[in-house]
Protein backbone atom coordinates (compact mmCIF):
# COMPACT_ATOMS: atom_id res chain seq x y z
CA MET A 1 35.52 11.39 -38.34
CA ASN A 2 32.38 10.95 -36.31
CA THR A 3 33.58 9.49 -32.98
CA ARG A 4 30.24 7.78 -32.33
CA TYR A 5 30.70 5.56 -35.37
CA PHE A 6 34.37 5.02 -34.55
CA LYS A 7 33.44 3.66 -31.11
CA LEU A 8 30.85 1.36 -32.62
CA ILE A 9 33.38 -0.09 -35.07
CA LEU A 10 35.81 -0.77 -32.24
CA LEU A 11 33.10 -2.62 -30.29
CA LEU A 12 31.99 -4.85 -33.15
CA PRO A 13 34.77 -7.47 -32.83
CA PHE A 14 33.88 -7.88 -29.15
CA LEU A 15 30.14 -8.07 -29.79
CA PHE A 16 30.49 -10.85 -32.34
CA SER A 17 33.34 -12.80 -30.74
CA CYS A 18 31.19 -14.20 -27.88
CA SER A 19 30.28 -17.88 -28.15
CA GLU A 20 29.19 -20.65 -25.81
CA LYS A 21 32.18 -22.05 -23.96
CA GLU A 22 32.87 -25.74 -24.05
CA GLN A 23 32.81 -27.45 -20.66
CA LEU A 24 36.46 -28.40 -20.20
CA PRO A 25 38.18 -30.45 -17.49
CA ILE A 26 39.50 -28.45 -14.55
CA SER A 27 43.02 -29.78 -15.16
CA GLU A 28 44.99 -32.19 -17.29
CA SER A 29 44.62 -35.87 -16.54
CA LEU A 30 47.01 -37.47 -14.09
CA GLY A 31 45.51 -40.86 -14.86
CA LYS A 32 42.23 -42.60 -14.06
CA PRO A 33 41.40 -42.37 -10.34
CA GLU A 34 41.44 -45.38 -8.07
CA VAL A 35 38.16 -46.77 -6.75
CA VAL A 36 36.56 -46.01 -3.39
CA THR A 37 37.09 -48.69 -0.75
CA ASN A 38 35.75 -49.78 2.64
CA VAL A 39 32.17 -49.09 1.52
CA VAL A 40 29.58 -49.30 4.31
CA ILE A 41 25.83 -49.27 3.60
CA GLU A 42 23.24 -48.24 6.20
CA PRO A 43 19.60 -48.61 5.08
CA VAL A 44 17.43 -45.55 5.81
CA ALA A 45 13.81 -44.64 5.06
CA GLY A 46 13.47 -44.65 1.28
CA GLY A 47 17.14 -45.20 0.55
CA ALA A 48 20.57 -45.76 2.06
CA ALA A 49 23.41 -43.83 3.69
CA VAL A 50 26.72 -44.74 2.04
CA SER A 51 30.14 -44.14 3.60
CA TYR A 52 33.51 -45.04 2.08
CA LYS A 53 37.23 -44.38 2.03
CA ILE A 54 38.25 -42.03 -0.76
CA PRO A 55 41.21 -43.05 -2.96
CA ASN A 56 44.58 -41.41 -2.45
CA SER A 57 44.54 -39.61 -5.79
CA GLU A 58 46.23 -36.23 -6.12
CA ASP A 59 43.61 -34.80 -8.47
CA LEU A 60 40.48 -36.35 -6.90
CA LEU A 61 37.45 -34.05 -7.25
CA ALA A 62 34.40 -36.00 -6.04
CA VAL A 63 32.62 -39.30 -5.58
CA LYS A 64 29.52 -39.91 -7.67
CA CYS A 65 26.72 -42.40 -7.07
CA VAL A 66 24.37 -43.45 -9.88
CA TYR A 67 21.15 -45.36 -9.20
CA THR A 68 17.65 -45.97 -10.53
CA ALA A 69 14.84 -45.21 -8.08
CA THR A 70 11.43 -46.84 -7.73
CA ASN A 71 9.93 -44.51 -10.34
CA GLY A 72 12.36 -45.83 -12.99
CA LYS A 73 14.32 -42.59 -13.23
CA GLU A 74 18.10 -42.50 -12.96
CA TYR A 75 19.59 -40.19 -10.34
CA GLU A 76 23.10 -39.00 -9.56
CA VAL A 77 24.35 -37.92 -6.16
CA THR A 78 27.77 -36.30 -5.86
CA ALA A 79 29.88 -35.66 -2.77
CA SER A 80 33.06 -33.58 -2.80
CA TYR A 81 36.41 -35.07 -1.87
CA TYR A 82 36.09 -33.33 1.51
CA GLU A 83 33.30 -35.79 2.36
CA ASN A 84 33.36 -39.54 2.80
CA LYS A 85 29.63 -40.17 2.66
CA LEU A 86 26.52 -39.55 0.56
CA LEU A 87 22.79 -40.26 0.73
CA ILE A 88 20.72 -42.31 -1.72
CA GLN A 89 17.04 -41.30 -1.73
CA GLY A 90 13.87 -41.76 -3.76
CA TYR A 91 12.76 -45.33 -3.13
CA ASN A 92 9.21 -46.27 -2.21
CA ASP A 93 9.71 -50.00 -1.73
CA THR A 94 11.71 -52.37 0.44
CA SER A 95 13.23 -54.49 -2.34
CA GLU A 96 16.96 -54.98 -2.89
CA HIS A 97 18.56 -52.41 -5.19
CA THR A 98 21.95 -51.69 -6.72
CA ALA A 99 23.85 -48.40 -6.92
CA THR A 100 27.19 -47.67 -8.59
CA LEU A 101 29.97 -45.54 -7.07
CA TYR A 102 32.64 -43.74 -9.08
CA ALA A 103 35.60 -41.61 -8.04
CA VAL A 104 35.90 -38.55 -10.29
CA ASN A 105 39.10 -36.59 -10.94
CA ARG A 106 39.60 -32.98 -12.04
CA ALA A 107 39.88 -34.10 -15.65
CA GLN A 108 36.32 -35.47 -15.32
CA GLU A 109 37.57 -39.05 -15.63
CA LEU A 110 35.75 -41.83 -13.79
CA SER A 111 37.22 -44.68 -11.83
CA ASP A 112 36.15 -48.25 -12.39
CA PRO A 113 32.64 -48.80 -11.00
CA VAL A 114 31.99 -50.15 -7.53
CA GLU A 115 28.56 -51.72 -7.20
CA VAL A 116 26.77 -51.78 -3.85
CA LYS A 117 23.52 -53.48 -2.88
CA PHE A 118 21.05 -52.25 -0.29
CA THR A 119 17.46 -52.67 0.84
CA PRO A 120 15.73 -49.39 1.79
CA LEU A 121 13.67 -49.12 4.94
CA GLU A 122 10.00 -48.22 4.66
CA SER A 123 9.74 -44.78 3.03
CA SER A 124 8.28 -41.66 4.62
CA LEU A 125 5.55 -41.76 1.98
CA THR A 126 4.51 -45.33 2.83
CA LYS A 127 4.55 -44.56 6.55
CA GLY A 128 2.51 -41.41 6.01
CA VAL A 129 -0.20 -43.25 4.06
CA LYS A 130 -0.70 -45.62 7.00
CA LEU A 131 -1.18 -42.67 9.37
CA VAL A 132 -3.91 -40.79 7.48
CA THR A 133 -7.42 -40.19 8.81
CA ILE A 134 -10.27 -38.34 7.10
CA GLU A 135 -13.22 -37.53 9.35
CA GLN A 136 -16.22 -35.24 9.54
CA ASP A 137 -15.66 -31.68 10.60
CA PHE A 138 -17.70 -28.52 10.79
CA GLY A 139 -18.64 -27.56 7.25
CA GLY A 140 -16.51 -30.27 5.65
CA ALA A 141 -13.77 -32.77 6.41
CA ARG A 142 -10.71 -32.84 8.64
CA PHE A 143 -7.55 -34.52 7.33
CA THR A 144 -4.88 -35.62 9.78
CA TRP A 145 -1.64 -37.44 9.05
CA ARG A 146 1.75 -38.17 10.53
CA ASN A 147 5.18 -37.76 8.97
CA PRO A 148 7.59 -39.19 11.58
CA GLU A 149 10.65 -38.82 9.32
CA LYS A 150 9.76 -35.14 8.68
CA ALA A 151 10.53 -35.61 4.99
CA PRO A 152 8.98 -33.18 2.47
CA LEU A 153 5.66 -34.69 1.38
CA ASN A 154 3.20 -33.20 -1.09
CA ILE A 155 -0.49 -33.56 -0.28
CA GLU A 156 -3.34 -33.10 -2.76
CA PHE A 157 -6.83 -32.66 -1.29
CA LEU A 158 -9.90 -33.54 -3.33
CA GLY A 159 -13.60 -33.00 -2.81
CA PRO A 160 -16.80 -32.19 -4.71
CA ASP A 161 -16.75 -28.99 -6.75
CA SER A 162 -19.80 -26.81 -7.43
CA THR A 163 -21.06 -29.36 -9.98
CA GLY A 164 -20.59 -32.31 -7.63
CA GLN A 165 -17.55 -33.64 -9.48
CA MET A 166 -14.42 -34.61 -7.56
CA SER A 167 -11.70 -32.04 -8.14
CA THR A 168 -8.47 -30.82 -6.58
CA LEU A 169 -9.23 -28.29 -3.83
CA ASN A 170 -5.68 -27.58 -2.66
CA ILE A 171 -2.10 -28.83 -2.83
CA MET A 172 0.40 -28.26 -0.04
CA THR A 173 3.83 -29.44 1.08
CA SER A 174 4.65 -30.33 4.68
CA ASP A 175 7.77 -31.59 6.44
CA VAL A 176 6.43 -31.65 9.99
CA ASP A 177 5.36 -34.69 12.00
CA GLN A 178 1.82 -33.82 13.11
CA ASN A 179 -0.46 -32.38 10.41
CA VAL A 180 -4.08 -31.19 10.32
CA TYR A 181 -5.94 -29.67 7.37
CA ASN A 182 -9.60 -28.68 7.07
CA ILE A 183 -11.81 -28.35 4.01
CA ARG A 184 -14.95 -26.30 4.65
CA GLY A 185 -17.93 -24.79 2.89
CA TYR A 186 -20.10 -27.91 2.55
CA ALA A 187 -23.66 -28.61 3.62
CA PRO A 188 -24.30 -31.46 6.09
CA VAL A 189 -24.91 -34.11 3.39
CA LEU A 190 -22.86 -37.22 2.59
CA ASN A 191 -19.82 -36.52 0.37
CA ASN A 192 -16.56 -38.19 -0.62
CA PHE A 193 -13.31 -36.48 0.37
CA SER A 194 -9.89 -37.72 -0.73
CA MET A 195 -6.16 -37.08 -0.47
CA ILE A 196 -3.09 -38.19 -2.42
CA LEU A 197 0.41 -38.10 -0.95
CA SER A 198 3.60 -37.90 -2.99
CA ASP A 199 7.29 -37.27 -2.43
CA ASN A 200 9.86 -35.27 -4.40
CA TYR A 201 10.84 -38.34 -6.44
CA ASP A 202 7.54 -38.84 -8.31
CA ASN A 203 6.31 -41.59 -5.99
CA TYR A 204 2.56 -41.37 -5.36
CA SER A 205 0.16 -43.04 -2.96
CA ASP A 206 -3.15 -44.48 -4.04
CA THR A 207 -6.10 -42.12 -3.60
CA ILE A 208 -7.27 -42.29 0.02
CA THR A 209 -11.03 -41.67 0.23
CA ALA A 210 -13.62 -41.46 3.00
CA GLU A 211 -17.37 -40.86 2.99
CA VAL A 212 -18.09 -37.94 5.30
CA THR A 213 -21.19 -36.03 6.35
CA PRO A 214 -20.03 -32.53 7.40
CA LEU A 215 -21.30 -31.03 10.64
CA PHE A 216 -23.41 -27.90 10.39
CA GLU A 217 -21.38 -24.70 10.85
CA GLU A 218 -22.18 -21.01 10.84
CA LYS A 219 -20.38 -17.80 11.68
CA LEU A 220 -21.67 -16.65 15.06
CA ASN A 221 -23.48 -13.31 15.07
CA LYS A 222 -21.22 -10.63 16.53
CA LYS A 223 -24.17 -8.40 17.34
CA ASN A 224 -24.82 -10.75 20.25
CA MET A 225 -21.21 -10.63 21.48
CA ARG A 226 -19.32 -8.29 23.77
CA VAL A 227 -15.86 -7.80 25.27
CA MET A 228 -16.35 -8.47 28.99
CA ASN A 229 -13.36 -6.58 30.47
CA LEU A 230 -12.82 -8.75 33.53
CA ALA A 231 -10.81 -7.22 36.37
CA ASN A 232 -7.48 -8.70 35.25
CA ASP A 233 -8.05 -8.26 31.51
CA LYS A 234 -6.06 -5.70 29.53
CA SER A 235 -8.02 -2.94 27.81
CA LEU A 236 -8.14 -2.82 24.01
CA THR A 237 -9.25 0.80 24.10
CA ASN A 238 -5.95 2.62 23.57
CA TRP A 239 -4.80 5.18 21.01
CA GLU A 240 -7.16 4.78 18.02
CA GLY A 241 -8.21 1.29 19.20
CA ARG A 242 -11.50 0.38 20.86
CA ASP A 243 -12.74 -2.84 22.51
CA ALA A 244 -15.83 -2.94 20.30
CA TYR A 245 -13.80 -2.64 17.10
CA ILE A 246 -12.56 -6.22 17.26
CA LEU A 247 -16.17 -7.41 16.98
CA ASP A 248 -17.40 -5.03 14.26
CA ASP A 249 -16.44 -6.98 11.09
CA ASP A 250 -14.58 -3.89 9.88
CA HIS A 251 -10.95 -4.85 9.30
CA ASN A 252 -9.90 -1.21 9.02
CA THR A 253 -10.69 -0.62 12.69
CA PHE A 254 -8.94 -2.37 15.55
CA GLY A 255 -8.53 -2.91 19.25
CA CYS A 256 -5.12 -2.14 20.74
CA PHE A 257 -3.26 -3.30 23.85
CA ILE A 258 -1.04 -0.52 25.17
CA THR A 259 2.76 -0.73 25.42
CA ASN A 260 3.99 -3.26 28.02
CA ALA A 261 0.65 -5.12 28.02
CA LEU A 262 2.42 -8.14 26.50
CA PRO A 263 3.26 -10.84 27.30
CA GLY A 264 0.10 -12.14 28.91
CA ALA A 265 -2.62 -9.70 27.78
CA PRO A 266 -6.09 -11.30 28.29
CA ALA A 267 -9.27 -10.33 26.45
CA THR A 268 -12.53 -12.07 27.41
CA PHE A 269 -15.53 -12.57 25.11
CA ASP A 270 -19.17 -13.29 25.87
CA LEU A 271 -20.44 -14.95 22.68
CA GLY A 272 -24.03 -14.18 23.65
CA THR A 273 -25.03 -17.82 23.19
CA VAL A 274 -23.80 -21.30 24.03
CA ALA A 275 -22.13 -22.83 20.97
CA LYS A 276 -20.08 -25.85 20.04
CA LEU A 277 -17.14 -23.98 18.58
CA SER A 278 -15.41 -25.17 15.42
CA ARG A 279 -12.81 -22.44 14.89
CA LEU A 280 -11.82 -18.87 15.48
CA VAL A 281 -10.26 -16.49 12.99
CA ILE A 282 -7.90 -13.67 13.96
CA HIS A 283 -7.52 -10.72 11.61
CA GLN A 284 -4.39 -8.59 11.69
CA ARG A 285 -4.35 -4.83 11.39
CA ILE A 286 -2.96 -4.63 7.85
CA TYR A 287 -2.63 -0.88 7.23
CA ASN A 288 -1.51 2.02 9.40
CA PHE A 289 -2.34 5.32 7.70
CA GLY A 290 -1.79 3.65 4.32
CA ALA A 291 1.43 1.83 5.23
CA ASN A 292 1.43 -1.98 5.06
CA ILE A 293 2.12 -3.32 8.58
CA ALA A 294 1.05 -6.96 8.10
CA TYR A 295 3.21 -9.33 10.18
CA GLY A 296 4.74 -6.33 11.94
CA HIS A 297 4.04 -3.24 14.04
CA GLY A 298 2.53 -5.09 16.99
CA ASN A 299 0.30 -7.49 15.10
CA PRO A 300 -0.35 -10.58 17.26
CA ARG A 301 1.97 -13.55 16.83
CA THR A 302 1.25 -16.04 19.62
CA PHE A 303 -1.75 -16.36 21.92
CA GLU A 304 -3.56 -18.87 24.12
CA VAL A 305 -7.24 -19.80 24.11
CA TYR A 306 -9.25 -20.53 27.27
CA VAL A 307 -12.92 -21.43 27.69
CA CYS A 308 -15.41 -21.35 30.57
CA ASP A 309 -18.67 -23.35 30.64
CA HIS A 310 -20.44 -20.95 33.01
CA LYS A 311 -20.60 -17.21 33.56
CA PRO A 312 -17.17 -16.32 34.98
CA ASP A 313 -16.61 -14.20 38.04
CA GLN A 314 -15.83 -10.56 37.26
CA SER A 315 -12.54 -10.97 39.12
CA GLY A 316 -11.17 -13.03 36.21
CA ASP A 317 -10.19 -15.87 38.55
CA TRP A 318 -8.08 -18.20 36.39
CA SER A 319 -9.26 -21.31 38.23
CA GLU A 320 -12.54 -21.02 36.30
CA TRP A 321 -10.84 -21.18 32.91
CA THR A 322 -9.59 -24.18 30.92
CA LYS A 323 -6.82 -23.78 28.37
CA VAL A 324 -7.69 -25.47 25.07
CA MET A 325 -5.21 -24.12 22.50
CA ASP A 326 -1.79 -22.60 21.91
CA CYS A 327 -1.83 -20.58 18.69
CA GLU A 328 0.80 -18.98 16.50
CA ILE A 329 0.30 -16.78 13.45
CA VAL A 330 2.93 -17.81 10.91
CA LYS A 331 4.03 -15.94 7.81
CA PRO A 332 3.30 -18.54 5.08
CA SER A 333 6.28 -17.63 2.88
CA GLY A 334 8.74 -17.84 5.75
CA SER A 335 10.30 -14.62 4.44
CA PRO A 336 12.64 -12.91 6.91
CA GLY A 337 12.06 -9.63 8.70
CA SER A 338 9.66 -7.17 7.14
CA THR A 339 9.53 -8.93 3.75
CA VAL A 340 5.89 -9.74 2.93
CA THR A 341 4.91 -11.69 -0.20
CA ASP A 342 1.62 -11.78 -2.11
CA LEU A 343 0.89 -15.15 -0.48
CA ASP A 344 1.46 -13.62 2.97
CA MET A 345 -0.95 -10.81 2.14
CA ASP A 346 -3.64 -13.13 0.80
CA VAL A 347 -3.57 -15.14 4.02
CA ALA A 348 -3.55 -12.02 6.22
CA LYS A 349 -6.55 -10.55 4.40
CA ASN A 350 -8.53 -13.78 4.81
CA GLY A 351 -7.59 -14.09 8.47
CA HIS A 352 -5.68 -16.72 10.44
CA GLU A 353 -7.77 -19.76 11.34
CA PHE A 354 -7.41 -21.95 14.44
CA SER A 355 -9.61 -25.02 14.92
CA PHE A 356 -11.06 -26.28 18.18
CA ASP A 357 -10.85 -29.98 18.91
CA LEU A 358 -13.97 -31.86 17.83
CA SER A 359 -14.40 -33.01 21.44
CA GLN A 360 -14.70 -29.43 22.70
CA VAL A 361 -17.82 -29.05 24.85
CA PRO A 362 -20.24 -26.20 24.06
CA VAL A 363 -19.33 -22.91 25.77
CA ARG A 364 -20.40 -19.29 25.85
CA TYR A 365 -17.29 -17.63 27.26
CA VAL A 366 -13.87 -17.49 25.57
CA ARG A 367 -10.67 -15.84 26.74
CA LEU A 368 -7.70 -15.05 24.48
CA VAL A 369 -4.35 -14.30 26.10
CA PHE A 370 -1.93 -12.57 23.74
CA MET A 371 1.66 -13.58 24.47
CA SER A 372 3.79 -12.00 21.75
CA ALA A 373 3.61 -9.69 18.75
CA PHE A 374 5.52 -9.40 15.50
CA GLY A 375 8.60 -7.23 15.71
CA GLY A 376 8.97 -7.99 19.41
CA ALA A 377 6.47 -5.27 20.33
CA THR A 378 4.89 -5.24 23.80
CA PHE A 379 1.70 -3.63 22.44
CA SER A 380 -0.62 -5.36 19.97
CA ASN A 381 -3.31 -4.55 17.38
CA ILE A 382 -6.20 -6.91 16.60
CA ALA A 383 -8.50 -5.92 13.75
CA ASP A 384 -11.19 -8.54 14.31
CA VAL A 385 -12.00 -11.92 15.86
CA ASP A 386 -14.52 -14.29 14.26
CA PHE A 387 -16.05 -17.35 15.93
CA TYR A 388 -17.63 -20.29 14.07
CA GLY A 389 -19.60 -23.34 15.19
CA SER A 390 -23.14 -24.46 15.86
CA ILE A 391 -25.48 -22.79 18.36
CA GLU A 392 -26.68 -25.05 21.16
CA GLU A 393 -29.45 -22.83 22.54
């Protein structure tokens, strides 16, 4: 007998005996559980914190809360029997609401319902809407907003497309308190710019719109710039790196601080003209002999920005310089270690942008002090630095 066919015949009963299993109780019923008691409600932003005493039931599994949020959808929140509290979320109003608590046993039986009433505090979404500003910026609009509760909020930015029609330009999520976002690429003519905020429970703000005339912006000509090499600066001409390479618009070349230059490695730039600066863009060294080294291998992570409104002394005397920014290059995906996603690469290839405050006075001299590098390196590679703004002379 052919053993190949014999093995197939033996396997057939197993291949065709598989079926979807019915969801069964964990154990046999010991009777309907008792209700939760001593329920305490504490209103919180967009919901309520609920604490309670769990019933003394031998087969208790969890406590379940059922409620209908502002959007009309029903939600369930479950806490294990190891906990005595749960959180109700998803409201975008301050009206009185009702939620229902059930004890659940291992046989999936529910206790009698216990209804609780609560009035949510003002939601993170409502607070955020009140703290939005949209104002003119170089080449577009600057959006700023607060999120004091640090709840996840989704933000949709809208502006004119190439045909002049309002369209979505970007969507992002943020759970930090202070937020700034810039939309650029517009001529200095009057336009409408808008944003819509939403939470993770399908609650949406109205469209917030402002009429804005963007400020003129251009990329400053690097042919007029130079690395000054003040007395206490650190040289970028090490190994394959050269000072001039960070101003050559070639992202395959780079300047390099030598080992032990960090933390505190200054590089000073003469922009060649006085300009009201809008932003600077730092470009990482992405490849090392074909190997991807983005967000690693000494690429800059944190740095400080200083400006000087007159020609600085060659000594590099720090009393002449004013600190205007602390900057950090962040891996957008948040992936650990050397893991780099497509999103991370897209951002690295476009460069990392840092905006000057709109009140920044025009300057000609800028000093960057590199404080740390990815991977904990004490050397650092910088492929290029771009400066944007409007020339004053």
